[in-house]
Amino acid sequence: AYKSSNVNTQNRETDLTELNEIVPINILEKNAIINAIKFTKGNKRKAANLLGLSERTLYRKLNEYGI
């Protein structure tokens, strides 16, 4: 199992320094996917599991976000 606190959040498309900033869900989701793949060293099966997604859904989202 992976601890979400260990997932790198440094690579953000949007500056989240303001706590009251509203970030679109799709940006948060894309960043979560990118971070999960980096955290699992490219293992998409583990990344999908970490994110609570099926592998099929992860691949669909990778295609959707152009990752």
N, C-alpha and C. Protein backbone atom coordinates (compact mmCIF):
# COMPACT_ATOMS: atom_id res chain seq x y z
N ALA A 1 0.84 -1.18 0.00
CA ALA A 1 0.00 0.00 0.00
C ALA A 1 0.88 1.24 0.00
N TYR A 2 0.36 2.30 -0.55
CA TYR A 2 1.08 3.56 -0.65
C TYR A 2 0.40 4.59 0.23
N LYS A 3 1.20 5.44 0.83
CA LYS A 3 0.66 6.53 1.63
C LYS A 3 0.59 7.77 0.75
N SER A 4 -0.57 8.38 0.69
CA SER A 4 -0.74 9.56 -0.16
C SER A 4 0.19 10.69 0.25
N SER A 5 0.60 10.72 1.50
CA SER A 5 1.50 11.79 1.94
C SER A 5 2.88 11.67 1.30
N ASN A 6 3.19 10.49 0.75
CA ASN A 6 4.47 10.29 0.09
C ASN A 6 4.46 10.70 -1.38
N VAL A 7 3.29 10.95 -1.95
CA VAL A 7 3.19 11.29 -3.36
C VAL A 7 3.64 12.73 -3.55
N ASN A 8 4.54 12.93 -4.50
CA ASN A 8 5.10 14.26 -4.77
C ASN A 8 4.03 15.19 -5.32
N THR A 9 3.88 16.34 -4.70
CA THR A 9 2.91 17.33 -5.19
C THR A 9 3.61 18.58 -5.70
N GLN A 10 4.89 18.50 -5.97
CA GLN A 10 5.64 19.67 -6.42
C GLN A 10 5.34 20.05 -7.86
N ASN A 11 4.99 19.09 -8.72
CA ASN A 11 4.78 19.36 -10.13
C ASN A 11 3.32 19.71 -10.39
N ARG A 12 2.99 20.96 -10.22
CA ARG A 12 1.61 21.40 -10.37
C ARG A 12 1.49 22.33 -11.56
N GLU A 13 0.41 22.20 -12.29
CA GLU A 13 0.15 23.13 -13.39
C GLU A 13 -0.37 24.45 -12.85
N THR A 14 -0.97 24.40 -11.69
CA THR A 14 -1.58 25.58 -11.10
C THR A 14 -0.94 25.83 -9.75
N ASP A 15 -0.67 27.09 -9.44
CA ASP A 15 -0.11 27.44 -8.14
C ASP A 15 -1.20 27.33 -7.09
N LEU A 16 -1.00 26.44 -6.13
CA LEU A 16 -2.02 26.20 -5.10
C LEU A 16 -1.62 26.82 -3.76
N THR A 17 -0.83 27.88 -3.80
CA THR A 17 -0.37 28.48 -2.54
C THR A 17 -1.51 29.12 -1.77
N GLU A 18 -2.54 29.56 -2.45
CA GLU A 18 -3.69 30.15 -1.78
C GLU A 18 -4.67 29.05 -1.40
N LEU A 19 -4.99 28.95 -0.13
CA LEU A 19 -5.90 27.91 0.34
C LEU A 19 -7.30 28.09 -0.21
N ASN A 20 -7.68 29.29 -0.54
CA ASN A 20 -9.04 29.54 -1.01
C ASN A 20 -9.14 29.53 -2.53
N GLU A 21 -8.07 29.14 -3.21
CA GLU A 21 -8.07 29.09 -4.67
C GLU A 21 -8.90 27.90 -5.15
N ILE A 22 -9.68 28.14 -6.18
CA ILE A 22 -10.49 27.08 -6.75
C ILE A 22 -9.77 26.54 -7.98
N VAL A 23 -9.51 25.24 -7.96
CA VAL A 23 -8.82 24.58 -9.06
C VAL A 23 -9.79 23.60 -9.71
N PRO A 24 -9.92 23.64 -11.02
CA PRO A 24 -10.83 22.71 -11.70
C PRO A 24 -10.46 21.25 -11.40
N ILE A 25 -11.48 20.43 -11.25
CA ILE A 25 -11.30 19.02 -10.92
C ILE A 25 -10.40 18.32 -11.94
N ASN A 26 -10.55 18.65 -13.22
CA ASN A 26 -9.75 17.95 -14.23
C ASN A 26 -8.25 18.23 -14.06
N ILE A 27 -7.89 19.41 -13.59
CA ILE A 27 -6.47 19.72 -13.34
C ILE A 27 -5.97 18.92 -12.14
N LEU A 28 -6.79 18.85 -11.09
CA LEU A 28 -6.41 18.06 -9.92
C LEU A 28 -6.26 16.58 -10.28
N GLU A 29 -7.20 16.08 -11.08
CA GLU A 29 -7.17 14.67 -11.48
C GLU A 29 -5.93 14.38 -12.33
N LYS A 30 -5.66 15.24 -13.30
CA LYS A 30 -4.49 15.05 -14.16
C LYS A 30 -3.21 15.03 -13.33
N ASN A 31 -3.09 15.98 -12.40
CA ASN A 31 -1.90 16.03 -11.54
C ASN A 31 -1.80 14.80 -10.65
N ALA A 32 -2.93 14.31 -10.15
CA ALA A 32 -2.92 13.10 -9.31
C ALA A 32 -2.44 11.91 -10.12
N ILE A 33 -2.88 11.80 -11.36
CA ILE A 33 -2.46 10.70 -12.23
C ILE A 33 -0.96 10.78 -12.51
N ILE A 34 -0.49 11.96 -12.86
CA ILE A 34 0.94 12.15 -13.14
C ILE A 34 1.77 11.79 -11.91
N ASN A 35 1.36 12.27 -10.75
CA ASN A 35 2.11 11.99 -9.52
C ASN A 35 2.08 10.51 -9.16
N ALA A 36 0.94 9.85 -9.36
CA ALA A 36 0.84 8.42 -9.06
C ALA A 36 1.76 7.61 -9.97
N ILE A 37 1.83 7.98 -11.24
CA ILE A 37 2.70 7.26 -12.18
C ILE A 37 4.17 7.49 -11.82
N LYS A 38 4.52 8.70 -11.45
CA LYS A 38 5.90 8.97 -11.02
C LYS A 38 6.21 8.20 -9.74
N PHE A 39 5.28 8.21 -8.79
CA PHE A 39 5.49 7.55 -7.51
C PHE A 39 5.70 6.05 -7.68
N THR A 40 4.99 5.46 -8.65
CA THR A 40 5.09 4.02 -8.89
C THR A 40 6.15 3.70 -9.94
N LYS A 41 6.97 4.69 -10.28
CA LYS A 41 8.05 4.53 -11.26
C LYS A 41 7.54 3.98 -12.59
N GLY A 42 6.39 4.49 -13.01
CA GLY A 42 5.84 4.13 -14.31
C GLY A 42 4.95 2.90 -14.32
N ASN A 43 4.76 2.27 -13.18
CA ASN A 43 3.92 1.07 -13.12
C ASN A 43 2.45 1.50 -13.09
N LYS A 44 1.81 1.39 -14.24
CA LYS A 44 0.43 1.88 -14.36
C LYS A 44 -0.56 1.03 -13.58
N ARG A 45 -0.30 -0.25 -13.44
CA ARG A 45 -1.18 -1.10 -12.63
C ARG A 45 -1.18 -0.62 -11.18
N LYS A 46 0.00 -0.36 -10.64
CA LYS A 46 0.10 0.13 -9.27
C LYS A 46 -0.48 1.54 -9.15
N ALA A 47 -0.24 2.36 -10.16
CA ALA A 47 -0.77 3.73 -10.14
C ALA A 47 -2.30 3.71 -10.12
N ALA A 48 -2.89 2.85 -10.95
CA ALA A 48 -4.35 2.73 -10.98
C ALA A 48 -4.87 2.30 -9.61
N ASN A 49 -4.21 1.33 -9.02
CA ASN A 49 -4.61 0.84 -7.70
C ASN A 49 -4.50 1.95 -6.66
N LEU A 50 -3.41 2.69 -6.70
CA LEU A 50 -3.20 3.80 -5.77
C LEU A 50 -4.30 4.84 -5.89
N LEU A 51 -4.75 5.09 -7.12
CA LEU A 51 -5.78 6.09 -7.37
C LEU A 51 -7.20 5.55 -7.19
N GLY A 52 -7.33 4.25 -6.99
CA GLY A 52 -8.66 3.66 -6.85
C GLY A 52 -9.38 3.54 -8.18
N LEU A 53 -8.61 3.37 -9.25
CA LEU A 53 -9.18 3.25 -10.59
C LEU A 53 -8.89 1.87 -11.16
N SER A 54 -9.70 1.45 -12.11
CA SER A 54 -9.35 0.25 -12.86
C SER A 54 -8.25 0.63 -13.84
N GLU A 55 -7.49 -0.36 -14.31
CA GLU A 55 -6.45 -0.06 -15.30
C GLU A 55 -7.07 0.53 -16.56
N ARG A 56 -8.20 0.00 -16.95
CA ARG A 56 -8.89 0.48 -18.15
C ARG A 56 -9.24 1.97 -18.02
N THR A 57 -9.76 2.34 -16.85
CA THR A 57 -10.12 3.74 -16.61
C THR A 57 -8.87 4.62 -16.61
N LEU A 58 -7.79 4.13 -16.00
CA LEU A 58 -6.55 4.90 -15.99
C LEU A 58 -6.07 5.15 -17.42
N TYR A 59 -6.07 4.12 -18.25
CA TYR A 59 -5.61 4.29 -19.63
C TYR A 59 -6.52 5.25 -20.40
N ARG A 60 -7.81 5.20 -20.13
CA ARG A 60 -8.74 6.13 -20.78
C ARG A 60 -8.41 7.57 -20.37
N LYS A 61 -8.14 7.77 -19.09
CA LYS A 61 -7.82 9.11 -18.60
C LYS A 61 -6.45 9.58 -19.11
N LEU A 62 -5.50 8.67 -19.24
CA LEU A 62 -4.20 9.03 -19.82
C LEU A 62 -4.40 9.56 -21.24
N ASN A 63 -5.22 8.87 -21.99
CA ASN A 63 -5.52 9.30 -23.36
C ASN A 63 -6.27 10.64 -23.36
N GLU A 64 -7.25 10.75 -22.48
CA GLU A 64 -8.08 11.96 -22.38
C GLU A 64 -7.24 13.20 -22.06
N TYR A 65 -6.27 13.04 -21.15
CA TYR A 65 -5.44 14.16 -20.72
C TYR A 65 -4.15 14.30 -21.53
N GLY A 66 -3.93 13.40 -22.47
CA GLY A 66 -2.73 13.46 -23.30
C GLY A 66 -1.45 13.19 -22.53
N ILE A 67 -1.55 12.30 -21.57
CA ILE A 67 -0.38 11.95 -20.73
C ILE A 67 0.33 10.75 -21.36
